[in-house]
């Protein structure tokens, strides 16, 4: 148990002064993950993007970090609901990601999201990250609460 504490505390050690971190804009993380993303196609209930994996999204093993993959699933999975005519400001309810292969620095990947269902309160989509040769990097199911718009 002590090893777990040491690992987390070592990872959380301050490398940048706290005032500098507190000054980062609130939407910094989205821009950090999405910078360089190109929207290739937008169709009803479907969106397709490409990204050359930037070194900033790599883990210590020199391949795309699982958290970066999950963030892409969350951000693009959320965006695809707009292609179904849903004006959502809701929150993710569930996200399941199967990590099947690795993506490396400067490798061109494709991200495709499809809406499976939109109801009154909940929407479900799939998001897949693929290499240019079609090999699947990650396959995800993304469920989102579709907050109703207010008439106020």
Protein backbone atom coordinates (compact mmCIF):
# COMPACT_ATOMS: atom_id res chain seq x y z
CA UNK A 1 0.00 0.00 0.00
CA UNK A 2 2.88 2.34 0.72
CA UNK A 3 4.19 1.78 -2.83
CA UNK A 4 0.90 3.09 -4.24
CA UNK A 5 1.16 6.21 -2.08
CA UNK A 6 4.77 6.82 -3.16
CA UNK A 7 3.94 6.39 -6.84
CA UNK A 8 1.04 8.89 -6.70
CA UNK A 9 2.89 11.42 -4.60
CA UNK A 10 5.94 11.28 -6.88
CA UNK A 11 3.74 11.82 -9.95
CA UNK A 12 1.99 14.74 -8.24
CA UNK A 13 5.21 16.55 -7.28
CA UNK A 14 5.17 20.14 -8.39
CA UNK A 15 7.13 20.63 -11.62
CA UNK A 16 5.49 23.95 -12.46
CA UNK A 17 4.76 26.54 -9.75
CA UNK A 18 1.13 26.40 -8.58
CA UNK A 19 0.38 30.06 -9.48
CA UNK A 20 1.40 29.26 -13.07
CA UNK A 21 -0.89 26.23 -13.15
CA UNK A 22 -3.77 28.22 -11.64
CA UNK A 23 -3.37 30.83 -14.41
CA UNK A 24 -4.04 28.28 -17.18
CA UNK A 25 -7.35 29.11 -18.96
CA UNK A 26 -10.31 26.84 -18.20
CA UNK A 27 -10.49 25.42 -21.77
CA UNK A 28 -6.73 24.76 -21.95
CA UNK A 29 -7.07 20.98 -21.73
CA UNK A 30 -9.40 20.70 -24.73
CA UNK A 31 -7.02 22.81 -26.83
CA UNK A 32 -4.03 20.79 -25.56
CA UNK A 33 -5.61 17.53 -26.77
CA UNK A 34 -7.35 18.79 -29.93
CA UNK A 35 -4.65 21.07 -31.37
CA UNK A 36 -3.79 19.80 -34.84
CA UNK A 37 -7.07 17.90 -35.27
CA UNK A 38 -8.59 18.17 -38.75
CA UNK A 39 -12.29 17.56 -39.37
CA UNK A 40 -12.38 15.45 -42.53
CA UNK A 41 -16.14 14.84 -42.88
CA UNK A 42 -19.33 15.83 -41.12
CA UNK A 43 -22.51 13.96 -42.05
CA UNK A 44 -25.80 13.37 -40.27
CA UNK A 45 -25.00 11.31 -37.16
CA UNK A 46 -21.31 10.91 -38.10
CA UNK A 47 -18.06 12.85 -37.87
CA UNK A 48 -14.61 11.83 -39.09
CA UNK A 49 -11.35 13.54 -38.08
CA UNK A 50 -7.63 13.02 -38.54
CA UNK A 51 -4.74 13.80 -36.25
CA UNK A 52 -0.99 13.46 -36.51
CA UNK A 53 -0.18 12.27 -32.98
CA UNK A 54 1.82 15.08 -31.35
CA UNK A 55 4.67 14.21 -28.95
CA UNK A 56 2.84 16.09 -26.15
CA UNK A 57 0.21 13.30 -26.06
CA UNK A 58 2.71 10.46 -25.55
CA UNK A 59 3.26 8.52 -22.35
CA UNK A 60 6.62 7.38 -20.98
CA UNK A 61 6.45 4.33 -23.30
CA UNK A 62 6.56 6.76 -26.26
CA UNK A 63 3.04 5.93 -27.53
CA UNK A 64 -0.24 7.84 -27.21
CA UNK A 65 -1.33 8.08 -23.59
CA UNK A 66 -4.55 6.27 -22.70
CA UNK A 67 -5.83 9.46 -21.07
CA UNK A 68 -5.33 11.35 -24.34
CA UNK A 69 -7.24 8.61 -26.15
CA UNK A 70 -10.07 8.82 -23.61
CA UNK A 71 -10.11 12.61 -23.94
CA UNK A 72 -10.46 12.34 -27.72
CA UNK A 73 -13.33 9.90 -27.21
CA UNK A 74 -15.01 12.32 -24.80
CA UNK A 75 -14.55 15.46 -26.92
CA UNK A 76 -15.36 13.98 -30.33
CA UNK A 77 -18.05 11.72 -28.88
CA UNK A 78 -19.72 14.79 -27.44
CA UNK A 79 -19.41 16.76 -30.69
CA UNK A 80 -21.05 14.05 -32.82
CA UNK A 81 -24.41 14.62 -31.12
CA UNK A 82 -24.60 18.02 -32.82
CA UNK A 83 -24.66 16.18 -36.18
CA UNK A 84 -27.89 14.51 -35.00
CA UNK A 85 -29.48 17.89 -34.28
CA UNK A 86 -29.04 17.65 -30.52
CA UNK A 87 -27.93 20.91 -28.88
CA UNK A 88 -26.26 19.28 -25.89
CA UNK A 89 -24.61 20.83 -22.91
CA UNK A 90 -24.95 17.61 -20.97
CA UNK A 91 -22.38 15.49 -19.26
CA UNK A 92 -20.96 12.05 -20.05
CA UNK A 93 -22.71 9.25 -18.20
CA UNK A 94 -20.54 6.32 -19.23
CA UNK A 95 -17.51 5.73 -21.39
CA UNK A 96 -16.04 2.34 -22.16
CA UNK A 97 -12.77 2.22 -24.10
CA UNK A 98 -11.10 -0.90 -25.44
CA UNK A 99 -7.42 -0.15 -26.12
CA UNK A 100 -6.37 -2.44 -28.96
CA UNK A 101 -3.16 -1.01 -30.42
CA UNK A 102 -0.68 1.83 -29.97
CA UNK A 103 -0.23 5.08 -31.89
CA UNK A 104 3.19 6.70 -31.99
CA UNK A 105 4.53 10.23 -32.41
CA UNK A 106 3.69 11.83 -35.76
CA UNK A 107 1.59 8.84 -36.81
CA UNK A 108 -1.51 9.89 -38.73
CA UNK A 109 -4.67 8.48 -37.13
CA UNK A 110 -8.36 8.71 -37.99
CA UNK A 111 -11.08 9.25 -35.40
CA UNK A 112 -14.65 8.39 -36.35
CA UNK A 113 -17.71 8.94 -34.17
CA UNK A 114 -21.22 7.73 -34.95
CA UNK A 115 -24.46 8.41 -33.11
CA UNK A 116 -26.22 5.14 -32.32
CA UNK A 117 -29.24 6.62 -30.54
CA UNK A 118 -30.59 9.88 -29.21
CA UNK A 119 -33.50 9.87 -26.84
CA UNK A 120 -35.15 12.59 -24.78
CA UNK A 121 -32.45 12.55 -22.13
CA UNK A 122 -29.68 10.17 -23.20
CA UNK A 123 -27.58 9.67 -26.32
CA UNK A 124 -25.23 6.83 -27.24
CA UNK A 125 -22.36 6.98 -29.71
CA UNK A 126 -19.37 4.91 -30.76
CA UNK A 127 -15.93 6.39 -31.29
CA UNK A 128 -13.12 4.57 -33.02
CA UNK A 129 -9.48 5.57 -33.43
CA UNK A 130 -7.74 3.86 -36.37
CA UNK A 131 -4.37 3.81 -38.06
CA UNK A 132 -4.23 4.74 -41.74
CA UNK A 133 -4.03 1.02 -42.60
CA UNK A 134 -7.41 0.50 -40.88
CA UNK A 135 -6.05 -1.21 -37.76
CA UNK A 136 -8.11 -0.19 -34.73
CA UNK A 137 -6.25 1.64 -31.96
CA UNK A 138 -9.24 2.06 -29.64
CA UNK A 139 -12.96 1.35 -29.79
CA UNK A 140 -15.30 3.15 -27.41
CA UNK A 141 -18.95 3.39 -26.48
CA UNK A 142 -19.92 6.81 -25.20
CA UNK A 143 -23.15 7.59 -23.35
CA UNK A 144 -24.12 11.19 -22.67
CA UNK A 145 -26.86 12.95 -20.76
CA UNK A 146 -28.56 15.32 -23.18
CA UNK A 147 -29.49 18.25 -20.96
CA UNK A 148 -32.75 19.83 -22.10
CA UNK A 149 -32.52 23.44 -23.23
CA UNK A 150 -34.13 25.94 -20.92
CA UNK A 151 -36.95 28.26 -22.04
CA UNK A 152 -36.00 30.85 -19.43
